[in-house]
Protein backbone atom coordinates (compact mmCIF):
# COMPACT_ATOMS: atom_id res chain seq x y z
CA MET A 1 53.78 -35.66 -10.79
CA SER A 2 51.50 -34.42 -8.03
CA CYS A 3 51.33 -31.72 -5.38
CA GLN A 4 49.61 -31.04 -2.08
CA THR A 5 49.48 -27.98 0.19
CA ASP A 6 48.61 -27.54 3.82
CA GLY A 7 45.56 -25.82 5.29
CA ASP A 8 43.35 -24.00 2.80
CA GLY A 9 46.04 -23.83 0.12
CA LYS A 10 45.66 -25.03 -3.44
CA CYS A 11 48.11 -26.31 -6.03
CA ALA A 12 48.06 -27.35 -9.67
CA VAL A 13 50.31 -29.31 -12.00
CA TYR A 14 50.57 -28.03 -15.57
CA VAL A 15 52.03 -30.53 -18.03
CA GLU A 16 53.95 -29.70 -21.19
CA GLY A 17 51.69 -27.91 -23.67
CA THR A 18 49.24 -26.60 -21.05
CA SER A 19 48.48 -22.86 -21.21
CA ILE A 20 50.29 -20.90 -18.49
CA ALA A 21 50.48 -17.16 -17.85
CA SER A 22 53.70 -15.33 -18.62
CA TYR A 23 55.01 -12.60 -16.33
CA PRO A 24 53.59 -10.08 -15.82
CA ARG A 25 50.50 -12.08 -16.80
CA GLN A 26 49.98 -10.30 -20.08
CA GLN A 27 49.69 -13.35 -22.31
CA LEU A 28 49.21 -17.10 -22.23
CA THR A 29 51.87 -19.42 -23.53
CA GLY A 30 52.19 -23.21 -23.82
CA ALA A 31 54.33 -24.79 -21.12
CA SER A 32 57.56 -26.25 -22.55
CA TYR A 33 58.15 -28.27 -19.36
CA PRO A 34 55.98 -29.18 -16.32
CA VAL A 35 55.06 -26.42 -13.85
CA ILE A 36 53.71 -26.71 -10.32
CA GLU A 37 52.00 -23.69 -8.79
CA ALA A 38 50.70 -23.35 -5.23
CA TRP A 39 48.75 -20.54 -3.63
CA HIS A 40 46.87 -19.40 -0.55
CA GLU A 41 44.12 -16.81 -1.00
CA ASP A 42 44.49 -15.21 2.44
CA TRP A 43 48.10 -15.71 3.48
CA GLU A 44 48.78 -13.66 6.60
CA GLY A 45 52.26 -12.29 7.35
CA GLY A 46 54.38 -14.62 9.48
CA GLU A 47 52.17 -17.61 8.65
CA PRO A 48 54.16 -20.65 7.35
CA HIS A 49 52.81 -22.93 4.61
CA VAL A 50 54.05 -26.19 3.09
CA LEU A 51 54.04 -27.49 -0.49
CA ASP A 52 54.68 -31.21 -1.05
CA VAL A 53 55.69 -32.32 -4.55
CA VAL A 54 55.90 -35.95 -5.70
CA MET A 55 57.80 -36.92 -8.86
CA VAL A 56 58.35 -40.49 -10.06
CA PRO A 57 61.29 -40.53 -12.51
CA GLN A 58 61.17 -43.22 -15.18
CA GLU A 59 64.96 -43.55 -15.42
CA ALA A 60 68.21 -42.63 -13.67
CA GLY A 61 69.76 -39.27 -14.46
CA ARG A 62 69.55 -35.63 -13.49
CA ILE A 63 66.44 -33.55 -12.97
CA ARG A 64 66.80 -29.78 -13.01
CA MET A 65 64.35 -27.87 -10.82
CA LEU A 66 63.81 -24.15 -11.27
CA VAL A 67 62.44 -22.63 -8.06
CA ARG A 68 60.95 -19.20 -7.34
CA VAL A 69 58.34 -17.46 -5.26
CA ALA A 70 55.91 -14.86 -6.60
CA LEU A 71 53.66 -12.93 -4.24
CA GLN A 72 50.76 -10.77 -5.34
CA HIS A 73 49.97 -7.58 -3.46
CA SER A 74 47.84 -4.50 -4.10
CA GLN A 75 50.43 -2.93 -6.45
CA GLY A 76 51.17 -6.07 -8.48
CA PHE A 77 53.69 -8.88 -7.97
CA MET A 78 57.05 -9.34 -6.32
CA GLY A 79 59.31 -12.34 -6.73
CA TYR A 80 62.19 -14.18 -5.10
CA PRO A 81 64.91 -14.40 -6.14
CA VAL A 82 64.81 -10.74 -7.08
CA THR A 83 67.58 -11.13 -9.65
CA SER A 84 69.12 -14.12 -11.40
CA ASP A 85 70.91 -14.95 -14.63
CA LEU A 86 68.25 -17.65 -15.12
CA ARG A 87 64.59 -17.12 -16.04
CA ASP A 88 61.79 -19.65 -16.11
CA GLN A 89 59.41 -20.05 -19.04
CA GLN A 90 57.08 -17.49 -17.46
CA GLY A 91 59.81 -14.83 -17.31
CA TRP A 92 60.56 -14.90 -13.56
CA ALA A 93 64.05 -14.97 -12.03
CA VAL A 94 64.72 -18.45 -10.60
CA GLU A 95 67.19 -20.50 -8.57
CA SER A 96 68.31 -23.78 -10.14
CA TYR A 97 68.71 -27.08 -8.25
CA THR A 98 69.78 -30.45 -9.65
CA LEU A 99 68.39 -33.71 -8.30
CA ILE A 100 70.31 -36.90 -9.08
CA VAL A 101 68.19 -40.01 -9.63
CA TYR A 102 69.99 -43.36 -9.20
C-alpha cells in the first residue's frame, strides 16, 4: 500500500500495529488495520488537493474502506461526515465503501 499527494502535501501509511493518535488526539493506540493519512500544512480555502492511494490485493474478495476528512483549525478539529453510525479506530465518524476485487 502506498500514497502520494499533490503539491506540497504529505501522506503516510500506518500498518497494523503502528501507533496512531485517537480522536481527539489524547492517547496513542495500535492500529488494528492499515491507515493512510494525508495533510497540507498551509491549505488555503477553495484550493483543491489530490490524494492517490495504491493497494495491491493478494486475493479476490471485498475490501472495506472507511473514509473521512478531519480539518484542524484554531479551535481544534472538525470532521466530515459530521455524524455516522460507523466510527473508525481513531474515533471519527466515517463513510463506508466496499471495493470488489476479482
